[in-house]
Amino acid sequence: MNPVKPFIIIVFSLFCFNAYAQYTDVINSNRPGVSRSAFSVGTNVIQFEVGPYFVKEEHTPLQYEVSGFGADFSARYGLLFEELEINLEGTYQNDTFTDNRSVITSEDKRSNFKNFTLGAKYLVYDPYKNAEEEKPNLYSWKANHQFKWNSLIPAVAVYVGANYDSKDNPYTLPDVEGFSPKVMIATQNNLAGGWVFVMNLIKDRIGSDYSDFQYILTLTHSFNPKWVVFGEAQGIKSDFYADNLFRLGGAYLWGKDIQLDTAITFNTKDTPSVLSVNFGASYRFDFHQDKEIDNGGSAKEEGKRRSREKKRGNRQETDIDFND
């Protein structure tokens, strides 16, 4: 069965849903973590995210080392509907594999894409779309920052993509090449006090010998309209590789269309041990335009839509949801 065919069918079916606004006045980046938010960038917004990194791995039982550099990248575009986002993402790495099992060590220089995926993400449920009743309380800081039970209801998005692995890729099994599907469920909770929690459940390279299941949990916290810090846990399980990775870092909003970030990645085992440091940036080209108001009775709906956008924009300015 052609793995790309289900991808096309599901993407086409997403076009049947109604739209609610995803656009915000400032950039919403998935960086500096590797999780994907539930929200899209907004229609007619083109966004690029890139993060060069340095990596060091040591496998004690197998006595090998890996050292090198790479870059993860993403191009995102809001297409047709506010909930729909098309994205191209991947990771390219160039390193040296050193085998220390014999008296004379051997080195093998490697380079290729660790992953390269074209996909589409669609927001299927947005608990904030009808949240006009939760307007900020102008007289009480406590009321605006206290815990709200309805914040436990997350926004939910689904993702479908197609991986491409080239022949003789040193980062996959020898028999893994060509296209394979990838699916994901992404949830997002925007909590009081500048906290945002994102969860991803991923099944990658479906049908191949390199197929794996991943979960990613990301918690971010903003201190002011410019700075945010985050912590992240990523679990990977497959017949070929299993790991638990942890990330810590932060981001700085340099302007409404640009963000800078940095993070460190590590694990707690030696099969292999992983240490990586990255520096990244996100930039968007904002061609978004609000839809014209239909005088035949949609003014009220347009008012609600603008209220939602303002509310989400206010939340962005106060909470700096860099994972949105």
C-alpha atoms as a PDB file:
ATOM      1  CA  MET A   1       0.000   0.000   0.000  1.00  0.00           C
ATOM      2  CA  ASN A   2       1.303   3.442  -0.879  1.00  0.00           C
ATOM      3  CA  PRO A   3       1.945   5.205   2.502  1.00  0.00           C
ATOM      4  CA  VAL A   4       1.401   8.615   0.914  1.00  0.00           C
ATOM      5  CA  LYS A   5      -2.187   7.843  -0.130  1.00  0.00           C
ATOM      6  CA  PRO A   6      -3.674   7.857   3.420  1.00  0.00           C
ATOM      7  CA  PHE A   7      -1.841  11.117   4.002  1.00  0.00           C
ATOM      8  CA  ILE A   8      -3.546  12.760   1.003  1.00  0.00           C
ATOM      9  CA  ILE A   9      -6.979  11.417   1.966  1.00  0.00           C
ATOM     10  CA  ILE A  10      -6.756  12.652   5.564  1.00  0.00           C
ATOM     11  CA  VAL A  11      -5.452  16.074   4.554  1.00  0.00           C
ATOM     12  CA  PHE A  12      -8.328  16.431   2.075  1.00  0.00           C
ATOM     13  CA  SER A  13     -10.855  15.464   4.754  1.00  0.00           C
ATOM     14  CA  LEU A  14      -9.547  18.185   7.035  1.00  0.00           C
ATOM     15  CA  PHE A  15     -10.850  20.795   4.594  1.00  0.00           C
ATOM     16  CA  CYS A  16     -14.435  19.973   5.616  1.00  0.00           C
ATOM     17  CA  PHE A  17     -14.187  21.654   9.038  1.00  0.00           C
ATOM     18  CA  ASN A  18     -15.168  25.228   9.942  1.00  0.00           C
ATOM     19  CA  ALA A  19     -12.479  27.717  10.931  1.00  0.00           C
ATOM     20  CA  TYR A  20     -11.633  29.752  13.994  1.00  0.00           C
ATOM     21  CA  ALA A  21      -8.802  32.248  14.259  1.00  0.00           C
ATOM     22  CA  GLN A  22      -5.284  31.008  15.068  1.00  0.00           C
ATOM     23  CA  TYR A  23      -3.387  34.131  14.086  1.00  0.00           C
ATOM     24  CA  THR A  24      -1.699  36.223  16.800  1.00  0.00           C
ATOM     25  CA  ASP A  25       0.021  39.597  16.654  1.00  0.00           C
ATOM     26  CA  VAL A  26       3.428  38.156  17.583  1.00  0.00           C
ATOM     27  CA  ILE A  27       5.274  35.091  16.322  1.00  0.00           C
ATOM     28  CA  ASN A  28       4.292  31.675  17.707  1.00  0.00           C
ATOM     29  CA  SER A  29       7.221  29.276  17.413  1.00  0.00           C
ATOM     30  CA  ASN A  30       7.540  25.590  18.266  1.00  0.00           C
ATOM     31  CA  ARG A  31      11.087  26.282  19.393  1.00  0.00           C
ATOM     32  CA  PRO A  32      13.139  25.964  21.553  1.00  0.00           C
ATOM     33  CA  GLY A  33      11.798  22.457  22.321  1.00  0.00           C
ATOM     34  CA  VAL A  34      11.007  19.734  19.792  1.00  0.00           C
ATOM     35  CA  SER A  35       7.316  19.373  20.620  1.00  0.00           C
ATOM     36  CA  ARG A  36       4.639  20.727  18.277  1.00  0.00           C
ATOM     37  CA  SER A  37       1.895  23.008  19.544  1.00  0.00           C
ATOM     38  CA  ALA A  38      -1.766  22.426  18.818  1.00  0.00           C
ATOM     39  CA  PHE A  39      -2.170  25.813  17.105  1.00  0.00           C
ATOM     40  CA  SER A  40      -1.191  26.806  13.582  1.00  0.00           C
ATOM     41  CA  VAL A  41       0.635  29.959  12.475  1.00  0.00           C
ATOM     42  CA  GLY A  42      -2.494  31.478  10.854  1.00  0.00           C
ATOM     43  CA  THR A  43      -3.536  31.823   7.239  1.00  0.00           C
ATOM     44  CA  ASN A  44      -1.059  33.395   4.807  1.00  0.00           C
ATOM     45  CA  VAL A  45       1.737  33.322   7.353  1.00  0.00           C
ATOM     46  CA  ILE A  46       5.051  31.806   6.265  1.00  0.00           C
ATOM     47  CA  GLN A  47       7.335  30.916   9.150  1.00  0.00           C
ATOM     48  CA  PHE A  48      10.871  29.527   9.255  1.00  0.00           C
ATOM     49  CA  GLU A  49      12.458  27.946  12.322  1.00  0.00           C
ATOM     50  CA  VAL A  50      16.067  26.736  12.425  1.00  0.00           C
ATOM     51  CA  GLY A  51      18.447  25.572  15.138  1.00  0.00           C
ATOM     52  CA  PRO A  52      22.125  24.694  14.586  1.00  0.00           C
ATOM     53  CA  TYR A  53      23.486  22.367  17.279  1.00  0.00           C
ATOM     54  CA  PHE A  54      26.581  20.563  18.533  1.00  0.00           C
ATOM     55  CA  VAL A  55      26.278  16.940  19.647  1.00  0.00           C
ATOM     56  CA  LYS A  56      28.427  14.472  21.598  1.00  0.00           C
ATOM     57  CA  GLU A  57      27.523  10.806  22.177  1.00  0.00           C
ATOM     58  CA  GLU A  58      29.456   8.070  23.998  1.00  0.00           C
ATOM     59  CA  HIS A  59      28.383   4.408  24.089  1.00  0.00           C
ATOM     60  CA  THR A  60      30.292   2.742  26.929  1.00  0.00           C
ATOM     61  CA  PRO A  61      29.416  -0.954  26.306  1.00  0.00           C
ATOM     62  CA  LEU A  62      29.982  -0.757  22.538  1.00  0.00           C
ATOM     63  CA  GLN A  63      32.972   1.593  22.936  1.00  0.00           C
ATOM     64  CA  TYR A  64      32.157   4.154  20.293  1.00  0.00           C
ATOM     65  CA  GLU A  65      31.865   7.939  20.182  1.00  0.00           C
ATOM     66  CA  VAL A  66      29.984  10.358  17.964  1.00  0.00           C
ATOM     67  CA  SER A  67      30.817  14.047  17.743  1.00  0.00           C
ATOM     68  CA  GLY A  68      29.645  16.621  15.247  1.00  0.00           C
ATOM     69  CA  PHE A  69      27.129  19.263  14.412  1.00  0.00           C
ATOM     70  CA  GLY A  70      23.822  19.627  12.644  1.00  0.00           C
ATOM     71  CA  ALA A  71      20.709  21.714  12.264  1.00  0.00           C
ATOM     72  CA  ASP A  72      17.024  21.105  12.704  1.00  0.00           C
ATOM     73  CA  PHE A  73      14.701  23.190  10.554  1.00  0.00           C
ATOM     74  CA  SER A  74      11.040  23.790   9.834  1.00  0.00           C
ATOM     75  CA  ALA A  75       9.035  25.743   7.267  1.00  0.00           C
ATOM     76  CA  ARG A  76       5.385  26.353   8.230  1.00  0.00           C
ATOM     77  CA  TYR A  77       2.530  27.834   6.224  1.00  0.00           C
ATOM     78  CA  GLY A  78      -1.078  28.552   7.184  1.00  0.00           C
ATOM     79  CA  LEU A  79      -3.166  27.305   4.258  1.00  0.00           C
ATOM     80  CA  LEU A  80      -6.850  27.963   3.445  1.00  0.00           C
ATOM     81  CA  PHE A  81      -8.190  27.689   6.997  1.00  0.00           C
ATOM     82  CA  GLU A  82      -6.984  29.150  10.279  1.00  0.00           C
ATOM     83  CA  GLU A  83      -6.706  25.667  11.800  1.00  0.00           C
ATOM     84  CA  LEU A  84      -4.700  24.140   8.956  1.00  0.00           C
ATOM     85  CA  GLU A  85      -0.930  24.271   8.719  1.00  0.00           C
ATOM     86  CA  ILE A  86       1.353  22.671   6.132  1.00  0.00           C
ATOM     87  CA  ASN A  87       4.932  22.135   7.262  1.00  0.00           C
ATOM     88  CA  LEU A  88       8.228  20.760   6.032  1.00  0.00           C
ATOM     89  CA  GLU A  89      10.687  19.812   8.747  1.00  0.00           C
ATOM     90  CA  GLY A  90      13.836  17.830   9.235  1.00  0.00           C
ATOM     91  CA  THR A  91      17.223  17.391  10.883  1.00  0.00           C
ATOM     92  CA  TYR A  92      20.542  17.267   9.036  1.00  0.00           C
ATOM     93  CA  GLN A  93      23.658  16.047  10.851  1.00  0.00           C
ATOM     94  CA  ASN A  94      27.351  15.847  10.011  1.00  0.00           C
ATOM     95  CA  ASP A  95      29.517  13.912  12.475  1.00  0.00           C
ATOM     96  CA  THR A  96      32.437  11.572  13.033  1.00  0.00           C
ATOM     97  CA  PHE A  97      31.818   8.036  14.297  1.00  0.00           C
ATOM     98  CA  THR A  98      34.840   6.742  16.236  1.00  0.00           C
ATOM     99  CA  ASP A  99      35.161   2.998  16.988  1.00  0.00           C
ATOM    100  CA  ASN A 100      37.382   2.340  20.028  1.00  0.00           C
ATOM    101  CA  ARG A 101      36.940  -1.432  20.264  1.00  0.00           C
ATOM    102  CA  SER A 102      40.369  -2.267  18.828  1.00  0.00           C
ATOM    103  CA  VAL A 103      43.870  -1.036  19.602  1.00  0.00           C
ATOM    104  CA  ILE A 104      43.782   1.114  16.485  1.00  0.00           C
ATOM    105  CA  THR A 105      40.712   3.312  16.482  1.00  0.00           C
ATOM    106  CA  SER A 106      38.800   3.839  13.277  1.00  0.00           C
ATOM    107  CA  GLU A 107      36.864   6.927  12.242  1.00  0.00           C
ATOM    108  CA  ASP A 108      33.946   7.192   9.872  1.00  0.00           C
ATOM    109  CA  LYS A 109      32.685  10.559   8.721  1.00  0.00           C
ATOM    110  CA  ARG A 110      28.899  10.592   8.249  1.00  0.00           C
ATOM    111  CA  SER A 111      26.320  13.059   6.999  1.00  0.00           C
ATOM    112  CA  ASN A 112      22.664  12.827   6.049  1.00  0.00           C
ATOM    113  CA  PHE A 113      19.150  13.749   7.118  1.00  0.00           C
ATOM    114  CA  LYS A 114      18.167  12.070  10.368  1.00  0.00           C
ATOM    115  CA  ASN A 115      14.590  12.870   9.402  1.00  0.00           C
ATOM    116  CA  PHE A 116      12.861  14.742   6.588  1.00  0.00           C
ATOM    117  CA  THR A 117       9.078  15.052   6.709  1.00  0.00           C
ATOM    118  CA  LEU A 118       6.291  16.839   4.864  1.00  0.00           C
ATOM    119  CA  GLY A 119       3.040  17.008   6.803  1.00  0.00           C
ATOM    120  CA  ALA A 120      -0.154  18.798   7.751  1.00  0.00           C
ATOM    121  CA  LYS A 121      -1.528  19.707  11.182  1.00  0.00           C
ATOM    122  CA  TYR A 122      -5.152  20.553  11.897  1.00  0.00           C
ATOM    123  CA  LEU A 123      -6.718  21.928  15.079  1.00  0.00           C
ATOM    124  CA  VAL A 124      -9.783  19.785  15.743  1.00  0.00           C
ATOM    125  CA  TYR A 125     -10.753  21.305  19.101  1.00  0.00           C
ATOM    126  CA  ASP A 126     -10.089  24.769  20.536  1.00  0.00           C
ATOM    127  CA  PRO A 127     -11.441  25.337  24.078  1.00  0.00           C
ATOM    128  CA  TYR A 128     -10.594  29.046  23.806  1.00  0.00           C
ATOM    129  CA  LYS A 129     -12.737  29.843  20.774  1.00  0.00           C
ATOM    130  CA  ASN A 130     -15.824  30.625  22.881  1.00  0.00           C
ATOM    131  CA  ALA A 131     -14.022  31.946  25.940  1.00  0.00           C
ATOM    132  CA  GLU A 132     -15.189  35.559  25.809  1.00  0.00           C
ATOM    133  CA  GLU A 133     -16.531  35.122  29.331  1.00  0.00           C
ATOM    134  CA  GLU A 134     -12.940  34.819  30.569  1.00  0.00           C
ATOM    135  CA  LYS A 135     -11.993  38.421  29.932  1.00  0.00           C
ATOM    136  CA  PRO A 136      -9.221  39.830  32.138  1.00  0.00           C
ATOM    137  CA  ASN A 137     -10.348  41.244  35.485  1.00  0.00           C
ATOM    138  CA  LEU A 138      -9.131  44.849  35.498  1.00  0.00           C
ATOM    139  CA  TYR A 139      -9.440  45.100  39.276  1.00  0.00           C
ATOM    140  CA  SER A 140      -7.888  41.858  40.513  1.00  0.00           C
ATOM    141  CA  TRP A 141      -4.419  40.464  39.739  1.00  0.00           C
ATOM    142  CA  LYS A 142      -5.292  37.392  41.814  1.00  0.00           C
ATOM    143  CA  ALA A 143      -8.416  36.672  39.763  1.00  0.00           C
ATOM    144  CA  ASN A 144      -6.388  36.749  36.537  1.00  0.00           C
ATOM    145  CA  HIS A 145      -3.703  34.369  37.869  1.00  0.00           C
ATOM    146  CA  GLN A 146      -5.681  31.904  39.961  1.00  0.00           C
ATOM    147  CA  PHE A 147      -6.133  28.304  38.827  1.00  0.00           C
ATOM    148  CA  LYS A 148      -9.154  27.629  36.602  1.00  0.00           C
ATOM    149  CA  TRP A 149     -10.484  24.096  36.254  1.00  0.00           C
ATOM    150  CA  ASN A 150     -11.462  24.644  32.624  1.00  0.00           C
ATOM    151  CA  SER A 151      -7.790  25.234  31.815  1.00  0.00           C
ATOM    152  CA  LEU A 152      -7.357  21.453  32.163  1.00  0.00           C
ATOM    153  CA  ILE A 153      -9.295  21.032  28.910  1.00  0.00           C
ATOM    154  CA  PRO A 154      -6.630  21.144  26.187  1.00  0.00           C
ATOM    155  CA  ALA A 155      -6.654  22.302  22.607  1.00  0.00           C
ATOM    156  CA  VAL A 156      -6.243  19.222  20.392  1.00  0.00           C
ATOM    157  CA  ALA A 157      -4.672  18.921  16.942  1.00  0.00           C
ATOM    158  CA  VAL A 158      -3.934  15.972  14.664  1.00  0.00           C
ATOM    159  CA  TYR A 159      -0.932  15.664  12.374  1.00  0.00           C
ATOM    160  CA  VAL A 160      -0.304  13.417   9.372  1.00  0.00           C
ATOM    161  CA  GLY A 161       2.986  13.388   7.501  1.00  0.00           C
ATOM    162  CA  ALA A 162       5.201  11.441   5.126  1.00  0.00           C
ATOM    163  CA  ASN A 163       8.870  10.751   5.948  1.00  0.00           C
ATOM    164  CA  TYR A 164      11.513  10.319   3.314  1.00  0.00           C
ATOM    165  CA  ASP A 165      14.692   8.325   4.040  1.00  0.00           C
ATOM    166  CA  SER A 166      17.395   8.082   1.414  1.00  0.00           C
ATOM    167  CA  LYS A 167      19.213   4.871   0.594  1.00  0.00           C
ATOM    168  CA  ASP A 168      22.240   3.952   2.759  1.00  0.00           C
ATOM    169  CA  ASN A 169      21.364   6.520   5.408  1.00  0.00           C
ATOM    170  CA  PRO A 170      23.817   6.011   8.323  1.00  0.00           C
ATOM    171  CA  TYR A 171      21.189   7.145  10.855  1.00  0.00           C
ATOM    172  CA  THR A 172      18.613   4.448   9.998  1.00  0.00           C
ATOM    173  CA  LEU A 173      18.615   0.697   9.506  1.00  0.00           C
ATOM    174  CA  PRO A 174      20.095  -0.505   6.167  1.00  0.00           C
ATOM    175  CA  ASP A 175      16.735  -1.638   4.770  1.00  0.00           C
ATOM    176  CA  VAL A 176      14.898   1.592   5.618  1.00  0.00           C
ATOM    177  CA  GLU A 177      14.457   3.863   2.602  1.00  0.00           C
ATOM    178  CA  GLY A 178      11.756   5.715   0.728  1.00  0.00           C
ATOM    179  CA  PHE A 179       8.481   7.035   2.154  1.00  0.00           C
ATOM    180  CA  SER A 180       6.781   6.089   5.409  1.00  0.00           C
ATOM    181  CA  PRO A 181       3.837   7.668   7.281  1.00  0.00           C
ATOM    182  CA  LYS A 182       4.005   9.653  10.506  1.00  0.00           C
ATOM    183  CA  VAL A 183       1.023  10.537  12.725  1.00  0.00           C
ATOM    184  CA  MET A 184       0.737  12.640  15.862  1.00  0.00           C
ATOM    185  CA  ILE A 185      -1.764  13.967  18.382  1.00  0.00           C
ATOM    186  CA  ALA A 186      -0.787  17.324  19.895  1.00  0.00           C
ATOM    187  CA  THR A 187      -2.499  18.866  22.931  1.00  0.00           C
ATOM    188  CA  GLN A 188      -1.946  22.241  24.569  1.00  0.00           C
ATOM    189  CA  ASN A 189      -3.077  23.748  27.885  1.00  0.00           C
ATOM    190  CA  ASN A 190      -2.680  27.494  28.406  1.00  0.00           C
ATOM    191  CA  LEU A 191      -2.582  27.797  32.193  1.00  0.00           C
ATOM    192  CA  ALA A 192      -2.739  30.819  34.472  1.00  0.00           C
ATOM    193  CA  GLY A 193       0.400  32.706  35.453  1.00  0.00           C
ATOM    194  CA  GLY A 194       2.235  32.337  32.147  1.00  0.00           C
ATOM    195  CA  TRP A 195       2.410  28.513  32.148  1.00  0.00           C
ATOM    196  CA  VAL A 196       1.814  26.441  29.006  1.00  0.00           C
ATOM    197  CA  PHE A 197       1.811  22.629  28.831  1.00  0.00           C
ATOM    198  CA  VAL A 198       2.177  20.795  25.500  1.00  0.00           C
ATOM    199  CA  MET A 199       1.978  17.037  24.944  1.00  0.00           C
ATOM    200  CA  ASN A 200       2.749  15.116  21.751  1.00  0.00           C
ATOM    201  CA  LEU A 201       2.060  11.421  21.089  1.00  0.00           C
ATOM    202  CA  ILE A 202       3.844  10.289  17.925  1.00  0.00           C
ATOM    203  CA  LYS A 203       4.044   7.148  15.824  1.00  0.00           C
ATOM    204  CA  ASP A 204       6.855   7.554  13.309  1.00  0.00           C
ATOM    205  CA  ARG A 205       8.002   5.655  10.182  1.00  0.00           C
ATOM    206  CA  ILE A 206       4.946   3.431  10.328  1.00  0.00           C
ATOM    207  CA  GLY A 207       5.376   0.084   8.580  1.00  0.00           C
ATOM    208  CA  SER A 208       9.177   0.207   8.453  1.00  0.00           C
ATOM    209  CA  ASP A 209      11.766  -1.690  10.524  1.00  0.00           C
ATOM    210  CA  TYR A 210      12.727   1.652  12.087  1.00  0.00           C
ATOM    211  CA  SER A 211       9.221   2.503  13.347  1.00  0.00           C
ATOM    212  CA  ASP A 212       9.082   4.039  16.810  1.00  0.00           C
ATOM    213  CA  PHE A 213       6.677   5.535  19.340  1.00  0.00           C
ATOM    214  CA  GLN A 214       7.482   8.838  21.023  1.00  0.00           C
ATOM    215  CA  TYR A 215       5.987  11.045  23.680  1.00  0.00           C
ATOM    216  CA  ILE A 216       7.051  14.631  24.315  1.00  0.00           C
ATOM    217  CA  LEU A 217       6.017  16.682  27.367  1.00  0.00           C
ATOM    218  CA  THR A 218       6.899  20.400  27.381  1.00  0.00           C
ATOM    219  CA  LEU A 219       6.264  22.952  30.117  1.00  0.00           C
ATOM    220  CA  THR A 220       7.047  26.635  29.462  1.00  0.00           C
ATOM    221  CA  HIS A 221       6.852  29.645  31.740  1.00  0.00           C
ATOM    222  CA  SER A 222       7.084  33.319  30.810  1.00  0.00           C
ATOM    223  CA  PHE A 223       8.473  35.905  33.202  1.00  0.00           C
ATOM    224  CA  ASN A 224       7.619  38.976  31.119  1.00  0.00           C
ATOM    225  CA  PRO A 225       6.632  39.827  27.506  1.00  0.00           C
ATOM    226  CA  LYS A 226      10.171  39.073  26.283  1.00  0.00           C
ATOM    227  CA  TRP A 227      11.573  36.059  28.130  1.00  0.00           C
ATOM    228  CA  VAL A 228      10.447  32.447  28.533  1.00  0.00           C
ATOM    229  CA  VAL A 229      12.063  29.304  29.976  1.00  0.00           C
ATOM    230  CA  PHE A 230      11.107  25.687  29.355  1.00  0.00           C
ATOM    231  CA  GLY A 231      11.695  22.103  30.425  1.00  0.00           C
ATOM    232  CA  GLU A 232      10.991  19.077  28.263  1.00  0.00           C
ATOM    233  CA  ALA A 233      11.003  15.284  28.486  1.00  0.00           C
ATOM    234  CA  GLN A 234      11.054  13.075  25.373  1.00  0.00           C
ATOM    235  CA  GLY A 235      10.683   9.309  25.380  1.00  0.00           C
ATOM    236  CA  ILE A 236      11.597   7.163  22.356  1.00  0.00           C
ATOM    237  CA  LYS A 237      10.828   3.455  22.044  1.00  0.00           C
ATOM    238  CA  SER A 238      11.582   1.164  19.096  1.00  0.00           C
ATOM    239  CA  ASP A 239      13.250  -2.180  18.360  1.00  0.00           C
ATOM    240  CA  PHE A 240      16.305  -0.269  17.144  1.00  0.00           C
ATOM    241  CA  TYR A 241      16.669   2.511  19.732  1.00  0.00           C
ATOM    242  CA  ALA A 242      15.167   3.607  23.032  1.00  0.00           C
ATOM    243  CA  ASP A 243      15.964   6.667  25.107  1.00  0.00           C
ATOM    244  CA  ASN A 244      14.678   9.289  27.510  1.00  0.00           C
ATOM    245  CA  LEU A 245      15.915  12.776  26.642  1.00  0.00           C
ATOM    246  CA  PHE A 246      15.624  15.929  28.725  1.00  0.00           C
ATOM    247  CA  ARG A 247      15.885  19.555  27.577  1.00  0.00           C
ATOM    248  CA  LEU A 248      16.230  22.866  29.349  1.00  0.00           C
ATOM    249  CA  GLY A 249      16.460  26.303  27.795  1.00  0.00           C
ATOM    250  CA  GLY A 250      14.876  29.614  27.061  1.00  0.00           C
ATOM    251  CA  ALA A 251      13.816  32.044  24.350  1.00  0.00           C
ATOM    252  CA  TYR A 252      13.807  35.776  23.761  1.00  0.00           C
ATOM    253  CA  LEU A 253      11.228  37.677  21.718  1.00  0.00           C
ATOM    254  CA  TRP A 254      13.354  40.137  19.750  1.00  0.00           C
ATOM    255  CA  GLY A 255      10.452  41.557  17.752  1.00  0.00           C
ATOM    256  CA  LYS A 256       6.912  40.642  16.855  1.00  0.00           C
ATOM    257  CA  ASP A 257       8.180  38.530  13.939  1.00  0.00           C
ATOM    258  CA  ILE A 258      11.463  37.118  15.290  1.00  0.00           C
ATOM    259  CA  GLN A 259      12.477  34.927  18.221  1.00  0.00           C
ATOM    260  CA  LEU A 260      15.910  33.735  19.434  1.00  0.00           C
ATOM    261  CA  ASP A 261      16.432  30.660  21.610  1.00  0.00           C
ATOM    262  CA  THR A 262      18.898  28.203  23.102  1.00  0.00           C
ATOM    263  CA  ALA A 263      18.635  24.809  24.793  1.00  0.00           C
ATOM    264  CA  ILE A 264      20.676  21.903  26.122  1.00  0.00           C
ATOM    265  CA  THR A 265      19.718  18.232  25.605  1.00  0.00           C
ATOM    266  CA  PHE A 266      20.957  15.336  27.747  1.00  0.00           C
ATOM    267  CA  ASN A 267      20.038  11.877  29.000  1.00  0.00           C
ATOM    268  CA  THR A 268      20.915   9.715  32.007  1.00  0.00           C
ATOM    269  CA  LYS A 269      22.298   6.525  30.442  1.00  0.00           C
ATOM    270  CA  ASP A 270      25.496   5.428  28.701  1.00  0.00           C
ATOM    271  CA  THR A 271      24.034   3.405  25.803  1.00  0.00           C
ATOM    272  CA  PRO A 272      24.783   5.993  24.531  1.00  0.00           C
ATOM    273  CA  SER A 273      25.089   9.131  26.629  1.00  0.00           C
ATOM    274  CA  VAL A 274      23.855  12.226  24.789  1.00  0.00           C
ATOM    275  CA  LEU A 275      24.844  15.852  25.187  1.00  0.00           C
ATOM    276  CA  SER A 276      23.718  18.501  22.709  1.00  0.00           C
ATOM    277  CA  VAL A 277      23.642  22.303  22.732  1.00  0.00           C
ATOM    278  CA  ASN A 278      21.678  24.316  20.194  1.00  0.00           C
ATOM    279  CA  PHE A 279      21.039  27.932  19.282  1.00  0.00           C
ATOM    280  CA  GLY A 280      18.026  28.776  17.176  1.00  0.00           C
ATOM    281  CA  ALA A 281      15.922  31.452  15.579  1.00  0.00           C
ATOM    282  CA  SER A 282      12.383  31.759  14.225  1.00  0.00           C
ATOM    283  CA  TYR A 283      11.160  34.327  11.714  1.00  0.00           C
ATOM    284  CA  ARG A 284       7.804  34.850  10.036  1.00  0.00           C
ATOM    285  CA  PHE A 285       6.575  36.669   6.947  1.00  0.00           C
ATOM    286  CA  ASP A 286       3.184  37.948   7.970  1.00  0.00           C
ATOM    287  CA  PHE A 287       0.724  38.291   5.080  1.00  0.00           C
ATOM    288  CA  HIS A 288      -2.305  37.550   7.204  1.00  0.00           C
ATOM    289  CA  GLN A 289      -5.472  39.561   6.530  1.00  0.00           C
ATOM    290  CA  ASP A 290      -8.704  39.534   8.490  1.00  0.00           C
ATOM    291  CA  LYS A 291     -11.761  38.405   6.605  1.00  0.00           C
ATOM    292  CA  GLU A 292     -14.207  41.118   5.586  1.00  0.00           C
ATOM    293  CA  ILE A 293     -17.365  41.464   7.621  1.00  0.00           C
ATOM    294  CA  ASP A 294     -20.546  40.260   5.954  1.00  0.00           C
ATOM    295  CA  ASN A 295     -23.195  42.913   6.588  1.00  0.00           C
ATOM    296  CA  GLY A 296     -25.876  40.275   6.248  1.00  0.00           C
ATOM    297  CA  GLY A 297     -25.783  39.303   9.898  1.00  0.00           C
ATOM    298  CA  SER A 298     -22.202  38.209  10.577  1.00  0.00           C
ATOM    299  CA  ALA A 299     -21.060  41.380  12.360  1.00  0.00           C
ATOM    300  CA  LYS A 300     -21.751  39.760  15.708  1.00  0.00           C
ATOM    301  CA  GLU A 301     -19.671  36.715  14.774  1.00  0.00           C
ATOM    302  CA  GLU A 302     -16.877  38.960  13.532  1.00  0.00           C
ATOM    303  CA  GLY A 303     -16.948  40.797  16.853  1.00  0.00           C
ATOM    304  CA  LYS A 304     -16.599  37.499  18.672  1.00  0.00           C
ATOM    305  CA  ARG A 305     -13.744  36.483  16.387  1.00  0.00           C
ATOM    306  CA  ARG A 306     -11.868  39.707  17.011  1.00  0.00           C
ATOM    307  CA  SER A 307     -12.452  39.280  20.730  1.00  0.00           C
ATOM    308  CA  ARG A 308     -10.908  35.819  20.542  1.00  0.00           C
ATOM    309  CA  GLU A 309      -7.914  37.136  18.606  1.00  0.00           C
ATOM    310  CA  LYS A 310      -7.452  39.956  21.089  1.00  0.00           C
ATOM    311  CA  LYS A 311      -7.701  37.557  23.987  1.00  0.00           C
ATOM    312  CA  ARG A 312      -5.168  35.202  22.421  1.00  0.00           C
ATOM    313  CA  GLY A 313      -2.927  38.137  21.572  1.00  0.00           C
ATOM    314  CA  ASN A 314      -3.155  39.453  25.127  1.00  0.00           C
ATOM    315  CA  ARG A 315      -2.289  36.022  26.410  1.00  0.00           C
ATOM    316  CA  GLN A 316       0.693  35.934  24.063  1.00  0.00           C
ATOM    317  CA  GLU A 317       1.902  39.335  25.236  1.00  0.00           C
ATOM    318  CA  THR A 318       1.550  38.483  28.919  1.00  0.00           C
ATOM    319  CA  ASP A 319       2.354  34.775  28.879  1.00  0.00           C
ATOM    320  CA  ILE A 320       4.648  34.596  25.826  1.00  0.00           C
ATOM    321  CA  ASP A 321       3.403  31.239  24.592  1.00  0.00           C
ATOM    322  CA  PHE A 322       6.413  30.385  22.420  1.00  0.00           C
ATOM    323  CA  ASN A 323       5.015  26.868  21.960  1.00  0.00           C
ATOM    324  CA  ASP A 324       1.754  28.129  20.467  1.00  0.00           C
END
